[in-house]
Amino acid sequence: QVQLVESGGGLVQAGGSLRLSCAASGRTFTIYAMGWFRQAPGKEREFVARINRSDGSTYYADSLKGRFTISRDNAKNTVYLQMNSLKPEDTAVYYCAVDFDYAGRARVVNVHEYDYWGQGTQVTVSS
C-alpha cells in the first residue's frame, strides 16, 4: 500500500500562486508515476498533471499548460504542483494520486488509471 498526504492548499487572490505538495509513504518503490487531479463543486474530477518517477517526463491538461508545473523529489518521495496566475475557476479540491504502471497519453487523464489517492487539499481563489 501507499499513503499520500497533500498539503499547501489555502485561500489566495486571483493572480497569486500556491505550491502544493504530496508526500508518499509505504511501498513507494512500486510507484511508476504520480499525478494531480482536481474537483470543483458539482463537477467531475479532472486531470491536472502527471510526472513519471524514473525519468521525470510530464503530462499536463492542455488548458493548464504554462500556468501549472509539476515536479518531483524522489529522495523525499514527494511531488509538487506549482500553480501560478491563479484564477477563480481554479478553485477546487486538489488530489494527489499514484499509478503503479506505465500509461499512454490517452490513459493518464483517466481517474481509473490511478491506484491510490490522497485525501485532497482545498484551493480557493478569490476574485
C-alpha atoms as a PDB file:
ATOM      1  CA  GLN A   1       0.000   0.000   0.000  1.00  0.00           C
ATOM      2  CA  VAL A   2       0.904   3.622  -0.477  1.00  0.00           C
ATOM      3  CA  GLN A   3      -0.226   6.513   1.680  1.00  0.00           C
ATOM      4  CA  LEU A   4      -0.433  10.031   0.278  1.00  0.00           C
ATOM      5  CA  VAL A   5      -0.658  13.279   2.185  1.00  0.00           C
ATOM      6  CA  GLU A   6      -1.294  16.544   0.363  1.00  0.00           C
ATOM      7  CA  SER A   7      -0.515  19.981   1.765  1.00  0.00           C
ATOM      8  CA  GLY A   8      -0.160  23.566   0.653  1.00  0.00           C
ATOM      9  CA  GLY A   9      -3.718  24.449  -0.197  1.00  0.00           C
ATOM     10  CA  GLY A  10      -5.385  27.608   1.003  1.00  0.00           C
ATOM     11  CA  LEU A  11      -7.017  30.873   0.048  1.00  0.00           C
ATOM     12  CA  VAL A  12      -5.298  33.089  -2.497  1.00  0.00           C
ATOM     13  CA  GLN A  13      -6.295  36.091  -4.559  1.00  0.00           C
ATOM     14  CA  ALA A  14      -6.626  35.862  -8.314  1.00  0.00           C
ATOM     15  CA  GLY A  15      -3.229  36.237  -9.935  1.00  0.00           C
ATOM     16  CA  GLY A  16      -1.464  34.704  -6.964  1.00  0.00           C
ATOM     17  CA  SER A  17       0.480  31.471  -6.618  1.00  0.00           C
ATOM     18  CA  LEU A  18       0.424  28.355  -4.494  1.00  0.00           C
ATOM     19  CA  ARG A  19       2.615  25.294  -4.302  1.00  0.00           C
ATOM     20  CA  LEU A  20       1.019  22.001  -3.375  1.00  0.00           C
ATOM     21  CA  SER A  21       2.993  19.075  -2.023  1.00  0.00           C
ATOM     22  CA  CYS A  22       2.180  15.393  -1.906  1.00  0.00           C
ATOM     23  CA  ALA A  23       4.271  13.109   0.254  1.00  0.00           C
ATOM     24  CA  ALA A  24       4.106   9.380  -0.366  1.00  0.00           C
ATOM     25  CA  SER A  25       4.926   6.664   2.142  1.00  0.00           C
ATOM     26  CA  GLY A  26       4.699   2.902   2.245  1.00  0.00           C
ATOM     27  CA  ARG A  27       5.610   0.854  -0.824  1.00  0.00           C
ATOM     28  CA  THR A  28       6.892   3.852  -2.725  1.00  0.00           C
ATOM     29  CA  PHE A  29       9.310   1.757  -4.782  1.00  0.00           C
ATOM     30  CA  THR A  30       6.282   0.407  -6.651  1.00  0.00           C
ATOM     31  CA  ILE A  31       5.224   3.840  -7.881  1.00  0.00           C
ATOM     32  CA  TYR A  32       5.616   4.460 -11.620  1.00  0.00           C
ATOM     33  CA  ALA A  33       4.083   7.915 -11.743  1.00  0.00           C
ATOM     34  CA  MET A  34       2.301  10.472  -9.611  1.00  0.00           C
ATOM     35  CA  GLY A  35      -0.389  12.825 -10.678  1.00  0.00           C
ATOM     36  CA  TRP A  36      -2.628  15.675  -9.637  1.00  0.00           C
ATOM     37  CA  PHE A  37      -6.351  15.929 -10.233  1.00  0.00           C
ATOM     38  CA  ARG A  38      -8.875  18.472  -9.074  1.00  0.00           C
ATOM     39  CA  GLN A  39     -12.584  18.504  -8.397  1.00  0.00           C
ATOM     40  CA  ALA A  40     -14.730  21.596  -8.195  1.00  0.00           C
ATOM     41  CA  PRO A  41     -18.167  21.523  -6.541  1.00  0.00           C
ATOM     42  CA  GLY A  42     -20.701  19.805  -8.738  1.00  0.00           C
ATOM     43  CA  LYS A  43     -18.124  18.763 -11.301  1.00  0.00           C
ATOM     44  CA  GLU A  44     -16.266  15.598 -12.120  1.00  0.00           C
ATOM     45  CA  ARG A  45     -12.696  15.052 -11.040  1.00  0.00           C
ATOM     46  CA  GLU A  46     -10.387  16.272 -13.780  1.00  0.00           C
ATOM     47  CA  PHE A  47      -6.775  15.637 -14.695  1.00  0.00           C
ATOM     48  CA  VAL A  48      -4.235  18.356 -13.950  1.00  0.00           C
ATOM     49  CA  ALA A  49      -0.742  16.918 -14.395  1.00  0.00           C
ATOM     50  CA  ARG A  50       1.364  13.781 -14.099  1.00  0.00           C
ATOM     51  CA  ILE A  51       5.052  13.031 -13.711  1.00  0.00           C
ATOM     52  CA  ASN A  52       6.919   9.788 -14.194  1.00  0.00           C
ATOM     53  CA  ARG A  53       9.044   8.847 -11.224  1.00  0.00           C
ATOM     54  CA  SER A  54      12.011   7.491 -13.157  1.00  0.00           C
ATOM     55  CA  ASP A  55      12.684   9.961 -15.959  1.00  0.00           C
ATOM     56  CA  GLY A  56      10.595  12.933 -14.857  1.00  0.00           C
ATOM     57  CA  SER A  57       8.591  13.119 -18.061  1.00  0.00           C
ATOM     58  CA  THR A  58       5.423  15.113 -17.617  1.00  0.00           C
ATOM     59  CA  TYR A  59       1.899  15.432 -18.921  1.00  0.00           C
ATOM     60  CA  TYR A  60      -0.418  18.393 -18.448  1.00  0.00           C
ATOM     61  CA  ALA A  61      -4.005  19.228 -19.089  1.00  0.00           C
ATOM     62  CA  ASP A  62      -3.866  21.394 -22.185  1.00  0.00           C
ATOM     63  CA  SER A  63      -5.834  24.176 -20.530  1.00  0.00           C
ATOM     64  CA  LEU A  64      -3.311  24.453 -17.677  1.00  0.00           C
ATOM     65  CA  LYS A  65      -0.030  24.360 -19.566  1.00  0.00           C
ATOM     66  CA  GLY A  66       2.094  27.388 -18.864  1.00  0.00           C
ATOM     67  CA  ARG A  67       0.495  28.156 -15.510  1.00  0.00           C
ATOM     68  CA  PHE A  68       0.977  24.894 -13.605  1.00  0.00           C
ATOM     69  CA  THR A  69       4.224  22.969 -13.197  1.00  0.00           C
ATOM     70  CA  ILE A  70       4.621  19.510 -11.720  1.00  0.00           C
ATOM     71  CA  SER A  71       7.932  18.364 -10.267  1.00  0.00           C
ATOM     72  CA  ARG A  72       9.260  15.619  -8.032  1.00  0.00           C
ATOM     73  CA  ASP A  73      11.852  14.890  -5.389  1.00  0.00           C
ATOM     74  CA  ASN A  74      12.386  11.148  -5.392  1.00  0.00           C
ATOM     75  CA  ALA A  75      14.626  11.290  -2.321  1.00  0.00           C
ATOM     76  CA  LYS A  76      11.675  12.702  -0.376  1.00  0.00           C
ATOM     77  CA  ASN A  77       9.040  10.669  -2.211  1.00  0.00           C
ATOM     78  CA  THR A  78       7.283  13.945  -2.832  1.00  0.00           C
ATOM     79  CA  VAL A  79       5.645  15.536  -5.840  1.00  0.00           C
ATOM     80  CA  TYR A  80       4.854  19.224  -6.150  1.00  0.00           C
ATOM     81  CA  LEU A  81       2.407  21.308  -8.115  1.00  0.00           C
ATOM     82  CA  GLN A  82       3.390  24.925  -8.623  1.00  0.00           C
ATOM     83  CA  MET A  83       0.342  26.954  -9.591  1.00  0.00           C
ATOM     84  CA  ASN A  84       0.803  30.479 -10.910  1.00  0.00           C
ATOM     85  CA  SER A  85      -1.548  33.155 -12.190  1.00  0.00           C
ATOM     86  CA  LEU A  86      -4.394  31.503 -10.358  1.00  0.00           C
ATOM     87  CA  LYS A  87      -7.954  32.181 -11.425  1.00  0.00           C
ATOM     88  CA  PRO A  88     -11.247  31.793  -9.549  1.00  0.00           C
ATOM     89  CA  GLU A  89     -12.053  28.846 -11.809  1.00  0.00           C
ATOM     90  CA  ASP A  90      -9.039  27.018 -10.362  1.00  0.00           C
ATOM     91  CA  THR A  91     -10.952  26.739  -7.097  1.00  0.00           C
ATOM     92  CA  ALA A  92     -11.268  23.039  -6.280  1.00  0.00           C
ATOM     93  CA  VAL A  93     -10.102  20.254  -4.057  1.00  0.00           C
ATOM     94  CA  TYR A  94      -6.778  19.060  -5.419  1.00  0.00           C
ATOM     95  CA  TYR A  95      -5.960  15.383  -5.145  1.00  0.00           C
ATOM     96  CA  CYS A  96      -2.679  13.554  -5.477  1.00  0.00           C
ATOM     97  CA  ALA A  97      -2.643  10.040  -6.914  1.00  0.00           C
ATOM     98  CA  VAL A  98      -0.169   7.301  -7.786  1.00  0.00           C
ATOM     99  CA  ASP A  99      -0.019   4.923 -10.699  1.00  0.00           C
ATOM    100  CA  PHE A 100       1.927   1.668 -10.485  1.00  0.00           C
ATOM    101  CA  ASP A 101       2.072   1.212 -14.246  1.00  0.00           C
ATOM    102  CA  TYR A 102       3.021   2.948 -17.451  1.00  0.00           C
ATOM    103  CA  ALA A 103       0.160   4.727 -19.204  1.00  0.00           C
ATOM    104  CA  GLY A 104      -0.041   6.477 -22.521  1.00  0.00           C
ATOM    105  CA  ARG A 105      -1.420   9.939 -23.074  1.00  0.00           C
ATOM    106  CA  ALA A 106      -4.976   8.741 -23.515  1.00  0.00           C
ATOM    107  CA  ARG A 107      -4.972   6.950 -20.174  1.00  0.00           C
ATOM    108  CA  VAL A 108      -3.060   9.357 -17.924  1.00  0.00           C
ATOM    109  CA  VAL A 109      -6.074  11.651 -17.758  1.00  0.00           C
ATOM    110  CA  ASN A 110      -8.382   8.871 -16.585  1.00  0.00           C
ATOM    111  CA  VAL A 111      -9.079   8.675 -12.835  1.00  0.00           C
ATOM    112  CA  HIS A 112      -9.422   4.891 -13.105  1.00  0.00           C
ATOM    113  CA  GLU A 113      -5.786   4.602 -14.160  1.00  0.00           C
ATOM    114  CA  TYR A 114      -4.593   5.523 -10.679  1.00  0.00           C
ATOM    115  CA  ASP A 115      -4.189   3.134  -7.785  1.00  0.00           C
ATOM    116  CA  TYR A 116      -4.125   5.241  -4.626  1.00  0.00           C
ATOM    117  CA  TRP A 117      -5.399   8.697  -3.779  1.00  0.00           C
ATOM    118  CA  GLY A 118      -4.766  11.267  -1.125  1.00  0.00           C
ATOM    119  CA  GLN A 119      -7.478  12.993   0.886  1.00  0.00           C
ATOM    120  CA  GLY A 120      -7.205  16.216  -1.058  1.00  0.00           C
ATOM    121  CA  THR A 121      -6.357  19.802  -0.225  1.00  0.00           C
ATOM    122  CA  GLN A 122      -8.677  22.749  -0.796  1.00  0.00           C
ATOM    123  CA  VAL A 123      -7.567  25.583  -3.055  1.00  0.00           C
ATOM    124  CA  THR A 124      -9.759  28.664  -3.128  1.00  0.00           C
ATOM    125  CA  VAL A 125      -9.032  31.565  -5.454  1.00  0.00           C
ATOM    126  CA  SER A 126     -10.900  34.771  -4.726  1.00  0.00           C
ATOM    127  CA  SER A 127     -11.678  37.359  -7.400  1.00  0.00           C
END
